[in-house]
């Protein structure tokens, strides 16, 4: 763990497994299919203005 979380004890295997089960069961966050991933477009192509702003902000 990073310094920010060093006061926390690591997750047990059982805790990690439960978290992963809950993530997999979340209907609001389904895994993307291979077809969806193949059709995905780059962020900068879909949101050119926002991408340009982020690039400018990072340059500062």
N, C-alpha and C. Protein backbone atom coordinates (compact mmCIF):
# COMPACT_ATOMS: atom_id res chain seq x y z
N UNK A 1 0.84 -1.18 0.00
CA UNK A 1 0.00 0.00 0.00
C UNK A 1 0.87 1.24 0.00
N UNK A 2 0.31 2.30 -0.54
CA UNK A 2 1.04 3.55 -0.55
C UNK A 2 1.08 4.18 0.83
N UNK A 3 1.84 5.21 0.95
CA UNK A 3 2.01 5.91 2.22
C UNK A 3 0.66 6.42 2.73
N UNK A 4 -0.19 6.87 1.83
CA UNK A 4 -1.49 7.42 2.22
C UNK A 4 -2.33 6.41 3.00
N UNK A 5 -2.18 5.13 2.71
CA UNK A 5 -3.02 4.12 3.33
C UNK A 5 -2.26 3.17 4.25
N UNK A 6 -1.06 3.55 4.65
CA UNK A 6 -0.25 2.62 5.43
C UNK A 6 -0.85 2.31 6.80
N UNK A 7 -1.77 3.16 7.28
CA UNK A 7 -2.41 2.90 8.56
C UNK A 7 -3.49 1.81 8.46
N UNK A 8 -3.85 1.42 7.23
CA UNK A 8 -4.84 0.37 7.03
C UNK A 8 -4.17 -0.98 6.85
N UNK A 9 -4.77 -2.00 7.41
CA UNK A 9 -4.21 -3.34 7.20
C UNK A 9 -4.65 -3.86 5.84
N UNK A 10 -3.85 -4.70 5.22
CA UNK A 10 -4.20 -5.22 3.90
C UNK A 10 -5.48 -6.06 3.95
N UNK A 11 -6.16 -6.14 2.82
CA UNK A 11 -7.36 -6.96 2.73
C UNK A 11 -7.00 -8.44 2.80
N UNK A 12 -7.87 -9.19 3.41
CA UNK A 12 -7.68 -10.65 3.39
C UNK A 12 -8.15 -11.16 2.03
N UNK A 13 -7.78 -12.38 1.70
CA UNK A 13 -8.24 -12.98 0.44
C UNK A 13 -9.76 -13.04 0.39
N UNK A 14 -10.38 -13.32 1.52
CA UNK A 14 -11.84 -13.40 1.57
C UNK A 14 -12.47 -12.03 1.32
N UNK A 15 -11.90 -10.98 1.92
CA UNK A 15 -12.41 -9.63 1.70
C UNK A 15 -12.26 -9.22 0.23
N UNK A 16 -11.12 -9.51 -0.34
CA UNK A 16 -10.88 -9.19 -1.74
C UNK A 16 -11.86 -9.94 -2.64
N UNK A 17 -12.09 -11.21 -2.36
CA UNK A 17 -13.03 -12.02 -3.15
C UNK A 17 -14.44 -11.43 -3.07
N UNK A 18 -14.86 -11.00 -1.89
CA UNK A 18 -16.18 -10.41 -1.72
C UNK A 18 -16.30 -9.11 -2.51
N UNK A 19 -15.28 -8.29 -2.47
CA UNK A 19 -15.28 -7.04 -3.24
C UNK A 19 -15.40 -7.34 -4.73
N UNK A 20 -14.63 -8.31 -5.20
CA UNK A 20 -14.68 -8.67 -6.62
C UNK A 20 -16.05 -9.21 -7.02
N UNK A 21 -16.69 -10.00 -6.14
CA UNK A 21 -18.04 -10.51 -6.41
C UNK A 21 -19.03 -9.36 -6.52
N UNK A 22 -18.92 -8.38 -5.63
CA UNK A 22 -19.83 -7.25 -5.66
C UNK A 22 -19.62 -6.40 -6.92
N UNK A 23 -18.38 -6.22 -7.33
CA UNK A 23 -18.09 -5.49 -8.56
C UNK A 23 -18.71 -6.22 -9.75
N UNK A 24 -18.53 -7.52 -9.83
CA UNK A 24 -19.05 -8.31 -10.95
C UNK A 24 -20.58 -8.30 -10.98
N UNK A 25 -21.22 -8.21 -9.83
CA UNK A 25 -22.68 -8.25 -9.75
C UNK A 25 -23.33 -6.88 -9.93
N UNK A 26 -22.55 -5.81 -10.03
CA UNK A 26 -23.10 -4.46 -10.12
C UNK A 26 -23.76 -4.24 -11.48
N UNK A 27 -25.08 -4.09 -11.52
CA UNK A 27 -25.76 -3.91 -12.81
C UNK A 27 -25.49 -2.55 -13.44
N UNK A 28 -25.01 -1.60 -12.67
CA UNK A 28 -24.72 -0.27 -13.21
C UNK A 28 -23.33 -0.15 -13.81
N UNK A 29 -22.54 -1.20 -13.72
CA UNK A 29 -21.18 -1.15 -14.25
C UNK A 29 -20.84 -2.47 -14.94
N UNK A 30 -21.55 -2.79 -16.04
CA UNK A 30 -21.26 -4.06 -16.71
C UNK A 30 -19.91 -4.03 -17.42
N UNK A 31 -19.31 -5.19 -17.59
CA UNK A 31 -18.06 -5.29 -18.32
C UNK A 31 -18.33 -5.04 -19.80
N UNK A 32 -17.45 -4.34 -20.45
CA UNK A 32 -17.59 -4.10 -21.89
C UNK A 32 -17.32 -5.39 -22.65
N UNK A 33 -18.11 -5.61 -23.69
CA UNK A 33 -17.90 -6.80 -24.52
C UNK A 33 -16.77 -6.54 -25.52
N UNK A 34 -16.27 -7.58 -26.14
CA UNK A 34 -15.23 -7.42 -27.16
C UNK A 34 -15.73 -6.53 -28.31
N UNK A 35 -17.01 -6.69 -28.67
CA UNK A 35 -17.58 -5.88 -29.75
C UNK A 35 -17.63 -4.40 -29.36
N UNK A 36 -18.02 -4.13 -28.12
CA UNK A 36 -18.06 -2.74 -27.65
C UNK A 36 -16.66 -2.13 -27.62
N UNK A 37 -15.69 -2.90 -27.17
CA UNK A 37 -14.31 -2.40 -27.13
C UNK A 37 -13.78 -2.14 -28.53
N UNK A 38 -14.16 -2.99 -29.49
CA UNK A 38 -13.71 -2.82 -30.87
C UNK A 38 -14.29 -1.54 -31.48
N UNK A 39 -15.48 -1.14 -31.03
CA UNK A 39 -16.14 0.05 -31.56
C UNK A 39 -15.77 1.33 -30.80
N UNK A 40 -15.04 1.20 -29.72
CA UNK A 40 -14.70 2.36 -28.89
C UNK A 40 -13.82 3.33 -29.67
N UNK A 41 -14.04 4.60 -29.42
CA UNK A 41 -13.25 5.65 -30.07
C UNK A 41 -12.35 6.30 -29.02
N UNK A 42 -11.23 6.87 -29.43
CA UNK A 42 -10.34 7.56 -28.50
C UNK A 42 -11.05 8.74 -27.83
N UNK A 43 -10.69 8.99 -26.58
CA UNK A 43 -11.28 10.08 -25.80
C UNK A 43 -11.20 11.40 -26.56
N UNK A 44 -10.03 11.72 -27.10
CA UNK A 44 -9.82 13.00 -27.78
C UNK A 44 -10.68 13.13 -29.02
N UNK A 45 -11.06 12.03 -29.63
CA UNK A 45 -11.93 12.07 -30.81
C UNK A 45 -13.38 12.33 -30.42
N UNK A 46 -13.80 11.78 -29.30
CA UNK A 46 -15.18 11.92 -28.85
C UNK A 46 -15.40 13.26 -28.14
N UNK A 47 -14.40 13.70 -27.38
CA UNK A 47 -14.50 14.94 -26.60
C UNK A 47 -13.30 15.85 -26.92
N UNK A 48 -13.22 16.39 -28.13
CA UNK A 48 -12.01 17.15 -28.50
C UNK A 48 -11.77 18.40 -27.66
N UNK A 49 -12.84 19.12 -27.30
CA UNK A 49 -12.65 20.34 -26.52
C UNK A 49 -12.12 20.02 -25.12
N UNK A 50 -12.71 19.01 -24.50
CA UNK A 50 -12.27 18.61 -23.16
C UNK A 50 -10.84 18.07 -23.19
N UNK A 51 -10.52 17.29 -24.20
CA UNK A 51 -9.16 16.76 -24.32
C UNK A 51 -8.15 17.89 -24.47
N UNK A 52 -8.49 18.89 -25.26
CA UNK A 52 -7.59 20.03 -25.45
C UNK A 52 -7.41 20.79 -24.14
N UNK A 53 -8.50 20.97 -23.39
CA UNK A 53 -8.42 21.67 -22.11
C UNK A 53 -7.54 20.90 -21.13
N UNK A 54 -7.72 19.59 -21.07
CA UNK A 54 -6.90 18.77 -20.17
C UNK A 54 -5.43 18.86 -20.55
N UNK A 55 -5.17 18.85 -21.84
CA UNK A 55 -3.77 18.95 -22.32
C UNK A 55 -3.17 20.30 -21.92
N UNK A 56 -3.96 21.37 -22.09
CA UNK A 56 -3.47 22.70 -21.69
C UNK A 56 -3.22 22.77 -20.18
N UNK A 57 -4.18 22.24 -19.40
CA UNK A 57 -4.05 22.28 -17.94
C UNK A 57 -2.82 21.50 -17.47
N UNK A 58 -2.55 20.36 -18.10
CA UNK A 58 -1.38 19.57 -17.71
C UNK A 58 -0.07 20.25 -18.06
N UNK A 59 -0.09 21.07 -19.10
CA UNK A 59 1.12 21.76 -19.53
C UNK A 59 1.54 22.85 -18.55
N UNK A 60 0.61 23.33 -17.76
CA UNK A 60 0.92 24.40 -16.81
C UNK A 60 1.76 23.91 -15.67
